[in-house]
Structures are given as structure tokens and as C-alpha cells.
């Protein structure tokens, strides 16, 4: 018998049983209904854990762009189906009580950031846990939220903020090369590089994916390329100011970057969003073929090759919300994405993060186009 057909009393009993099995912090998330800020909530929870001699849980954060946190939560409930036992809402967050078959229950919070249009998903479940992997698939299947890409500059900016509170070291990093192979590297405590040094250790045709960073006993975190961060230990207020707020700022910049790019008849076309790659990355035909194949394999995208030589032009449609785009490769070190006649902010973010996930991207920005001047100016220049 599925949960959708059980009686309300049995469903309530299942909910109460799941709540009894929750880890300490998840129980706090579920029971809380007071409109406190995230910093006060987490620090209060850690004080309670210390008072009760309970080990403080690590906290996993994933930052998303969304126009409506209520709609995002509704979509997660719908996609989650019977795995979502119950839902609670406060003035600052939504909490979903989730239990997958043969796994421990947990709580996933959707917490509104201080910046409009940005939310943090929050849980004590590690990113390596199969339960979190399922949440990631839920997000991939919803139109209500989109991932945020952290550039190399964003990584370094967060590292610089952390270094304000002491000597910052990297104990582990992961990277992925353009051919899909991975690099995992750890560093002993007595010889940990700075973040800048760690970034320099990554091959130019590879992309830094994650770093595990520490500032003495002040802060220990895990930072991920697709705008995720895990707080392990230390002062959460520092984590909030130096990590989460910096990620929020990046998310806000990207929302602005992806806005206003829908094409209109008889209106000048907006400059494209340019994705920066290592010099010479598209140096041969095989690379463009692999890129077309990888992008075409994404289930919710339709990809048509308009032109391939001497430049690459792809027409891309996103089935999830009908967004359309034109993707160009006209140089060997960047990919340009133009909005079509229907291109949402979230659709733009989805496509760009797909591309940055497939290729060793280091930055995204609006492309600065050279002005060719008026016809009269060109005639004058010609003498």
C-alpha cells in the first residue's frame, strides 16, 4: 500500500515515527516556527547541542536561483512524491520531512536568502550521501530553481575573506579535466597550500571542482563549484559572512546577467553571455564534436547543429520551460550563449551551468562587443 492511499491516522503515525529518528539539527529544523535569522538559528542550535552533549551536525548548503521559494517548495513536494512525508512553513523557510525506502529520514529546508530571488537548500545530510544525490535529481527535474556557477574568481574571493581571520590552508581539492578524468589531491596539515596556490596546481585544461579549506579552529568548510558549501566546524557567523553571503552576491550577479536577454523583433540583440575556457580548448574538430554529443545527451534539451565549420552554431531548446538559445563557438577559448525569443532567467542559468559542467570553464560574463560604427563613419574611414 502506497503512502498516498493510507489513512490520515497512519500517515500521521509514520510522520511521528520519522521525526523521532531525526538527527539533532534536523529535529530543530522541523520543530522551529520562530522567524529568526539563519545565523541566530544555527548558532542557537549548536549551543543547544553543546548543552545536551550532542555532537554538532555538519550543515550542507546549496544555493539556487528561484523567482519564488514557495513555488520551488511546491515543485519539490510534487517531484518527491511519497518520499515527502510532510511539510512545514515558517515566515523565513519551508521544511520538508523526507524518508526514502530503507534509509534514515531527514529534513530539507528551503531558506530564503537576504537577497530576493535566491534561496539556500539546507540539510545535515552530506553531499556524498545517496539521499542528497536524490535531492539533486529533484532539482534537475524542476523548472522552479536553477544552479549557480562559482568562477575561479569567486573561489579566490571567498578564500580571501576567510583569510581575514587567520592563516587559511587547503587540505584537499578535486578537479576534472576536459576529457572527463578526475584529480583528487590531499595535503598534510604541516604543508597545506593557500587557495591561490591550490588553484595554480590545477592543470590549465582542468577545472577546480571542490576544495576543503580551514582557518585554524575558526572555520572548516567544503566549497563546491556549483554554488554549494558545507559548514563543518568553527564560527558559523564567519561562515555566513565570508561564504554564504559571497555566494549570494554571485547568485545575484548571475540573475542580473541572465535577465533581459530575450530576443524581440525590431529590437537590438543583447550581447551574449560568454563562458571562458582555457586558451586553445576548441583547437580541433574532435572537441566540438564531443561538446555537441555531451550537450545533446541532456534529456531536457533539444540540440540542433546549424553550422559547424569554420564556426560552431547550435540551436538549443529547453523542454522544461520552453526557453530557446543560440550557442556559438567562434574562438578556441570561449562559448557564447544568446537568448532566443523565449528565454527565462532560470532557463539561461540551467544551460550555462550545464555547459560549465561539461567544459573546464573558469568564468562567465557578458561579452563586450566591438562597435563597428555607423555607415557614414565607415565610409569616412575608407577615405
Protein backbone atom coordinates (compact mmCIF):
# COMPACT_ATOMS: atom_id res chain seq x y z
CA UNK A 1 0.00 0.00 0.00
CA UNK A 2 1.49 3.37 -1.01
CA UNK A 3 1.56 6.38 1.32
CA UNK A 4 -0.91 8.13 -0.96
CA UNK A 5 -3.57 5.51 -0.12
CA UNK A 6 -3.03 5.10 3.62
CA UNK A 7 -5.41 6.66 6.10
CA UNK A 8 -4.57 10.07 7.61
CA UNK A 9 -4.00 8.44 11.01
CA UNK A 10 -1.45 6.00 9.58
CA UNK A 11 0.25 8.82 7.66
CA UNK A 12 0.44 10.85 10.87
CA UNK A 13 1.89 7.88 12.71
CA UNK A 14 4.55 7.46 10.00
CA UNK A 15 5.39 11.16 10.30
CA UNK A 16 5.77 10.99 14.11
CA UNK A 17 7.93 7.88 13.84
CA UNK A 18 10.18 9.59 11.28
CA UNK A 19 10.51 12.71 13.45
CA UNK A 20 11.66 10.56 16.39
CA UNK A 21 14.52 9.24 14.24
CA UNK A 22 15.77 12.62 13.04
CA UNK A 23 19.31 13.79 13.84
CA UNK A 24 19.56 16.61 16.39
CA UNK A 25 19.78 19.54 13.97
CA UNK A 26 17.09 18.15 11.64
CA UNK A 27 14.77 17.94 14.62
CA UNK A 28 15.44 21.60 15.36
CA UNK A 29 14.68 22.49 11.73
CA UNK A 30 11.41 20.57 11.91
CA UNK A 31 10.27 21.94 15.25
CA UNK A 32 11.22 25.58 14.64
CA UNK A 33 8.47 28.03 13.78
CA UNK A 34 10.05 31.25 15.02
CA UNK A 35 11.08 33.89 12.44
CA UNK A 36 14.75 34.09 13.46
CA UNK A 37 17.58 34.69 11.01
CA UNK A 38 19.76 31.86 9.76
CA UNK A 39 22.80 32.84 11.86
CA UNK A 40 20.81 33.05 15.10
CA UNK A 41 19.06 29.77 14.32
CA UNK A 42 22.23 27.79 13.59
CA UNK A 43 24.28 29.25 16.44
CA UNK A 44 21.40 28.69 18.85
CA UNK A 45 21.15 25.10 17.66
CA UNK A 46 24.85 24.48 18.16
CA UNK A 47 24.66 25.92 21.68
CA UNK A 48 21.77 23.54 22.40
CA UNK A 49 23.78 20.62 21.05
CA UNK A 50 26.72 21.52 23.30
CA UNK A 51 24.42 21.88 26.30
CA UNK A 52 22.98 18.41 25.69
CA UNK A 53 26.44 16.94 24.91
CA UNK A 54 25.35 16.07 21.37
CA UNK A 55 27.85 16.19 18.52
CA UNK A 56 27.08 19.15 16.26
CA UNK A 57 25.97 18.09 12.79
CA UNK A 58 27.72 19.30 9.66
CA UNK A 59 25.47 21.54 7.58
CA UNK A 60 25.15 21.23 3.81
CA UNK A 61 24.08 24.30 1.80
CA UNK A 62 23.16 24.55 -1.87
CA UNK A 63 22.32 27.97 -3.29
CA UNK A 64 19.76 28.28 -6.10
CA UNK A 65 18.19 30.98 -8.22
CA UNK A 66 14.41 30.97 -7.98
CA UNK A 67 11.74 33.63 -8.53
CA UNK A 68 9.53 32.08 -5.83
CA UNK A 69 10.63 29.93 -2.88
CA UNK A 70 7.03 28.82 -2.32
CA UNK A 71 6.80 27.56 -5.92
CA UNK A 72 10.17 25.82 -5.60
CA UNK A 73 8.99 24.04 -2.46
CA UNK A 74 5.72 23.06 -4.16
CA UNK A 75 7.70 21.57 -7.04
CA UNK A 76 10.00 19.64 -4.68
CA UNK A 77 6.94 18.20 -2.93
CA UNK A 78 5.46 17.19 -6.29
CA UNK A 79 8.69 15.69 -7.65
CA UNK A 80 9.41 13.97 -4.32
CA UNK A 81 6.02 12.27 -4.27
CA UNK A 82 5.52 9.84 -1.42
CA UNK A 83 9.10 10.38 -0.18
CA UNK A 84 7.96 13.72 1.27
CA UNK A 85 6.10 12.74 4.45
CA UNK A 86 5.13 16.24 5.49
CA UNK A 87 5.82 19.94 5.09
CA UNK A 88 6.02 22.86 7.48
CA UNK A 89 6.29 26.55 6.72
CA UNK A 90 7.53 29.50 8.77
CA UNK A 91 7.96 33.13 7.79
CA UNK A 92 11.57 32.53 6.71
CA UNK A 93 11.72 28.94 5.49
CA UNK A 94 9.99 25.76 4.40
CA UNK A 95 10.91 22.38 5.90
CA UNK A 96 10.29 19.05 4.16
CA UNK A 97 10.32 15.81 6.15
CA UNK A 98 11.75 13.23 3.75
CA UNK A 99 12.19 9.49 4.02
CA UNK A 100 13.40 7.28 1.19
CA UNK A 101 12.91 3.49 1.34
CA UNK A 102 15.47 1.75 3.56
CA UNK A 103 17.17 5.00 4.60
CA UNK A 104 17.04 7.28 7.62
CA UNK A 105 14.60 10.21 7.48
CA UNK A 106 15.93 13.76 7.26
CA UNK A 107 14.76 17.34 6.87
CA UNK A 108 15.45 19.55 3.87
CA UNK A 109 14.94 23.26 4.48
CA UNK A 110 14.33 25.86 1.77
CA UNK A 111 15.63 29.03 3.40
CA UNK A 112 15.13 32.41 1.72
CA UNK A 113 18.37 34.35 1.37
CA UNK A 114 18.62 38.02 2.25
CA UNK A 115 18.73 38.73 -1.48
CA UNK A 116 15.49 38.44 -3.45
CA UNK A 117 15.37 35.57 -5.95
CA UNK A 118 17.95 33.45 -4.10
CA UNK A 119 17.42 30.55 -1.67
CA UNK A 120 19.60 28.12 0.23
CA UNK A 121 18.73 24.45 0.50
CA UNK A 122 19.90 23.29 3.93
CA UNK A 123 20.30 19.86 5.50
CA UNK A 124 22.64 17.86 7.72
CA UNK A 125 22.88 15.17 5.00
CA UNK A 126 26.38 15.09 3.40
CA UNK A 127 26.66 15.73 -0.34
CA UNK A 128 28.22 12.27 -0.75
CA UNK A 129 25.09 10.64 0.73
CA UNK A 130 22.70 8.94 -1.69
CA UNK A 131 19.81 10.87 -0.16
CA UNK A 132 21.39 14.19 -1.19
CA UNK A 133 22.02 12.81 -4.68
CA UNK A 134 18.29 12.21 -4.95
CA UNK A 135 17.59 15.81 -3.93
CA UNK A 136 19.99 16.93 -6.68
CA UNK A 137 17.97 14.91 -9.19
CA UNK A 138 14.77 16.55 -7.91
CA UNK A 139 16.25 19.97 -8.65
CA UNK A 140 17.24 18.81 -12.14
CA UNK A 141 13.60 17.85 -12.72
CA UNK A 142 12.05 21.14 -11.68
CA UNK A 143 11.72 24.44 -13.53
CA UNK A 144 11.42 26.45 -10.31
CA UNK A 145 15.11 26.55 -9.36
CA UNK A 146 18.48 26.83 -11.12
CA UNK A 147 22.06 26.23 -10.00
CA UNK A 148 24.71 28.92 -9.59
CA UNK A 149 28.23 28.64 -11.04
CA UNK A 150 31.21 29.78 -8.95
CA UNK A 151 34.09 31.08 -11.08
CA UNK A 152 37.75 30.83 -10.15
CA UNK A 153 37.46 34.46 -9.06
CA UNK A 154 34.54 33.59 -6.76
CA UNK A 155 36.59 30.82 -5.15
CA UNK A 156 39.50 33.18 -4.56
CA UNK A 157 37.24 35.93 -3.23
CA UNK A 158 35.79 33.56 -0.63
CA UNK A 159 39.30 32.39 0.27
CA UNK A 160 40.45 35.99 0.73
CA UNK A 161 37.50 36.69 3.05
CA UNK A 162 38.32 33.63 5.16
CA UNK A 163 41.98 34.63 5.33
CA UNK A 164 40.95 37.81 7.17
CA UNK A 165 40.51 35.59 10.25
CA UNK A 166 43.80 33.71 10.17
CA UNK A 167 46.10 31.59 8.04
CA UNK A 168 43.96 29.70 5.54
CA UNK A 169 45.03 26.32 4.19
CA UNK A 170 43.63 23.79 1.71
CA UNK A 171 43.65 20.18 2.91
CA UNK A 172 42.01 18.63 -0.17
CA UNK A 173 40.97 19.55 -3.68
CA UNK A 174 39.28 17.83 -6.59
CA UNK A 175 39.45 18.80 -10.24
CA UNK A 176 38.19 17.47 -13.56
CA UNK A 177 39.91 17.70 -16.93
CA UNK A 178 38.33 18.36 -20.29
CA UNK A 179 38.42 14.63 -21.12
CA UNK A 180 36.36 13.81 -18.01
CA UNK A 181 39.18 12.35 -15.90
CA UNK A 182 39.39 13.40 -12.25
CA UNK A 183 42.10 14.61 -9.92
CA UNK A 184 41.92 14.16 -6.15
CA UNK A 185 44.73 15.61 -4.08
CA UNK A 186 45.22 15.87 -0.34
CA UNK A 187 47.75 17.87 1.66
CA UNK A 188 49.18 17.14 5.14
CA UNK A 189 48.45 19.67 7.86
CA UNK A 190 52.07 20.84 8.02
CA UNK A 191 52.22 21.67 4.28
CA UNK A 192 48.82 22.96 3.26
CA UNK A 193 48.83 25.41 0.33
CA UNK A 194 46.85 28.63 0.18
CA UNK A 195 43.80 28.63 -2.06
CA UNK A 196 45.68 30.66 -4.69
CA UNK A 197 48.48 28.07 -4.66
CA UNK A 198 45.96 25.23 -4.86
CA UNK A 199 44.21 26.81 -7.86
CA UNK A 200 47.63 27.10 -9.54
CA UNK A 201 48.19 23.35 -9.10
CA UNK A 202 45.24 22.52 -11.35
CA UNK A 203 46.19 21.84 -14.97
CA UNK A 204 45.15 24.63 -17.36
CA UNK A 205 42.81 22.26 -19.22
CA UNK A 206 41.16 21.14 -15.98
CA UNK A 207 38.53 22.72 -13.78
CA UNK A 208 38.76 23.03 -10.00
CA UNK A 209 35.62 21.37 -8.63
CA UNK A 210 35.83 21.36 -4.83
CA UNK A 211 38.17 22.48 -2.04
CA UNK A 212 38.29 21.62 1.65
CA UNK A 213 39.58 24.70 3.48
CA UNK A 214 40.43 25.56 7.09
CA UNK A 215 41.34 28.64 9.10
CA UNK A 216 42.78 27.06 12.26
CA UNK A 217 39.96 26.32 14.69
CA UNK A 218 37.99 29.31 13.39
CA UNK A 219 36.40 27.69 10.37
CA UNK A 220 36.38 24.44 8.38
CA UNK A 221 34.38 24.25 5.14
CA UNK A 222 33.92 22.40 1.86
CA UNK A 223 33.31 24.66 -1.17
CA UNK A 224 31.85 23.35 -4.45
CA UNK A 225 31.86 24.74 -7.97
CA UNK A 226 28.06 24.62 -8.38
CA UNK A 227 27.44 27.02 -5.51
CA UNK A 228 27.39 24.61 -2.63
CA UNK A 229 29.22 24.77 0.69
CA UNK A 230 29.38 22.57 3.77
CA UNK A 231 30.00 24.02 7.22
CA UNK A 232 31.93 21.50 9.31
CA UNK A 233 33.04 23.43 12.37
CA UNK A 234 34.01 26.80 13.75
CA UNK A 235 32.19 30.12 13.93
CA UNK A 236 29.03 29.96 11.82
CA UNK A 237 28.70 33.75 11.72
CA UNK A 238 32.05 33.89 9.89
CA UNK A 239 30.89 31.14 7.53
CA UNK A 240 27.73 33.11 6.85
CA UNK A 241 29.51 36.40 6.16
CA UNK A 242 32.51 35.04 4.24
CA UNK A 243 30.96 32.14 2.35
CA UNK A 244 27.16 32.22 2.12
CA UNK A 245 26.89 35.97 1.64
CA UNK A 246 29.59 35.87 -1.05
CA UNK A 247 27.72 33.05 -2.81
CA UNK A 248 24.50 35.08 -2.55
CA UNK A 249 26.29 38.03 -4.16
CA UNK A 250 27.45 35.79 -7.02
CA UNK A 251 23.92 34.42 -7.44
CA UNK A 252 22.54 37.97 -7.60
CA UNK A 253 25.12 38.98 -10.21
CA UNK A 254 24.17 35.97 -12.31
CA UNK A 255 20.46 36.68 -12.02
CA UNK A 256 21.20 40.17 -13.35
CA UNK A 257 23.48 38.73 -16.05
CA UNK A 258 20.80 36.32 -17.29
CA UNK A 259 17.97 38.88 -17.19
CA UNK A 260 16.71 40.90 -20.14
CA UNK A 261 18.22 38.66 -22.82
CA UNK A 262 15.05 37.51 -24.52
CA UNK A 263 15.12 38.45 -28.20
CA UNK A 264 12.44 40.78 -29.61
CA UNK A 265 11.55 41.74 -33.16
CA UNK A 266 12.95 45.12 -34.26
CA UNK A 267 14.94 45.47 -31.01
CA UNK A 268 18.76 45.34 -30.90
CA UNK A 269 20.02 41.95 -29.76
CA UNK A 270 21.57 41.89 -26.29
CA UNK A 271 25.24 40.86 -26.06
CA UNK A 272 25.76 37.16 -25.38
CA UNK A 273 26.84 35.57 -22.13
CA UNK A 274 30.39 34.35 -22.68
CA UNK A 275 31.82 31.27 -20.95
CA UNK A 276 35.61 31.46 -20.61
CA UNK A 277 37.70 28.35 -21.31
CA UNK A 278 41.45 27.63 -21.35
CA UNK A 279 43.32 29.03 -24.37
CA UNK A 280 43.15 26.64 -27.30
CA UNK A 281 40.50 24.35 -25.79
CA UNK A 282 38.48 24.18 -29.03
CA UNK A 283 41.65 23.70 -31.06
CA UNK A 284 40.41 20.73 -33.05
CA UNK A 285 37.20 19.38 -34.57
CA UNK A 286 37.04 16.47 -32.12
CA UNK A 287 36.48 18.81 -29.16
CA UNK A 288 33.48 20.46 -30.79
CA UNK A 289 32.05 17.05 -31.69
CA UNK A 290 32.37 15.85 -28.10
CA UNK A 291 30.74 19.05 -26.86
CA UNK A 292 27.77 18.61 -29.22
CA UNK A 293 27.37 14.98 -28.14
CA UNK A 294 27.56 15.79 -24.42
CA UNK A 295 25.07 18.67 -24.65
CA UNK A 296 22.69 16.58 -26.78
CA UNK A 297 22.72 13.80 -24.17
CA UNK A 298 20.99 16.05 -21.58
CA UNK A 299 17.43 14.75 -21.55
CA UNK A 300 15.54 18.05 -21.27
CA UNK A 301 17.49 19.78 -24.08
CA UNK A 302 16.94 19.60 -27.84
CA UNK A 303 20.13 20.47 -29.72
CA UNK A 304 20.35 21.12 -33.47
CA UNK A 305 23.60 21.86 -35.29
CA UNK A 306 23.05 24.90 -37.54
CA UNK A 307 26.66 25.36 -38.58
CA UNK A 308 29.90 23.58 -37.71
CA UNK A 309 32.73 24.86 -39.88
CA UNK A 310 34.53 27.26 -39.61
CA UNK A 311 32.49 28.16 -36.51
CA UNK A 312 30.02 26.19 -34.41
CA UNK A 313 26.39 27.31 -34.09
CA UNK A 314 23.86 25.28 -32.10
CA UNK A 315 20.14 25.96 -31.68
CA UNK A 316 19.11 24.78 -28.20
CA UNK A 317 15.65 24.37 -26.72
CA UNK A 318 14.89 23.59 -23.07
CA UNK A 319 11.82 21.36 -22.75
CA UNK A 320 11.32 22.23 -19.08
CA UNK A 321 10.04 25.76 -19.73
CA UNK A 322 10.32 26.29 -23.50
CA UNK A 323 13.40 28.53 -23.35
CA UNK A 324 15.39 28.82 -26.59
CA UNK A 325 19.02 29.79 -27.18
CA UNK A 326 21.72 30.09 -29.82
CA UNK A 327 25.13 28.78 -28.79
CA UNK A 328 28.21 29.86 -30.74
CA UNK A 329 31.87 28.84 -30.66
CA UNK A 330 33.77 31.34 -32.79
CA UNK A 331 37.11 31.19 -30.97
CA UNK A 332 39.04 28.41 -29.28
CA UNK A 333 38.68 29.72 -25.73
CA UNK A 334 35.02 30.68 -25.19
CA UNK A 335 31.40 29.70 -25.74
CA UNK A 336 28.82 32.42 -26.39
CA UNK A 337 25.16 31.96 -25.43
CA UNK A 338 22.46 34.21 -26.94
CA UNK A 339 18.91 34.28 -25.63
CA UNK A 340 16.13 33.34 -28.04
CA UNK A 341 12.59 34.67 -28.33
CA UNK A 342 11.65 32.73 -25.16
CA UNK A 343 14.50 32.50 -22.66
CA UNK A 344 13.82 32.65 -18.91
CA UNK A 345 16.41 33.57 -16.30
CA UNK A 346 16.23 30.05 -14.87
CA UNK A 347 16.47 28.51 -18.35
CA UNK A 348 19.54 30.63 -19.08
CA UNK A 349 21.10 29.58 -15.77
CA UNK A 350 20.36 25.90 -16.45
CA UNK A 351 22.00 25.96 -19.88
CA UNK A 352 25.05 27.93 -18.74
CA UNK A 353 25.65 25.66 -15.73
CA UNK A 354 25.26 22.59 -17.98
CA UNK A 355 27.98 23.98 -20.24
CA UNK A 356 30.25 24.90 -17.33
CA UNK A 357 29.75 21.38 -16.00
CA UNK A 358 30.73 19.80 -19.34
CA UNK A 359 33.71 22.04 -20.09
CA UNK A 360 36.61 23.32 -17.91
CA UNK A 361 35.06 26.79 -17.59
CA UNK A 362 36.73 29.38 -15.37
CA UNK A 363 34.37 32.37 -15.68
CA UNK A 364 31.09 33.64 -17.13
CA UNK A 365 30.42 37.25 -18.12
CA UNK A 366 28.64 39.45 -20.62
CA UNK A 367 30.65 39.61 -23.82
CA UNK A 368 31.89 43.05 -24.71
CA UNK A 369 31.14 43.58 -28.40
CA UNK A 370 33.18 45.89 -30.58
CA UNK A 371 31.15 48.68 -32.18
CA UNK A 372 31.51 48.85 -35.95
CA UNK A 373 30.17 52.43 -36.12
CA UNK A 374 27.64 53.92 -38.49
CA UNK A 375 27.73 53.57 -42.27
CA UNK A 376 28.82 57.22 -42.58
CA UNK A 377 31.71 56.63 -40.16
CA UNK A 378 32.83 53.55 -42.09
CA UNK A 379 32.72 55.46 -45.40
CA UNK A 380 34.74 58.30 -43.87
CA UNK A 381 37.34 55.84 -42.57
CA UNK A 382 37.63 54.40 -46.07
CA UNK A 383 38.68 57.79 -47.34
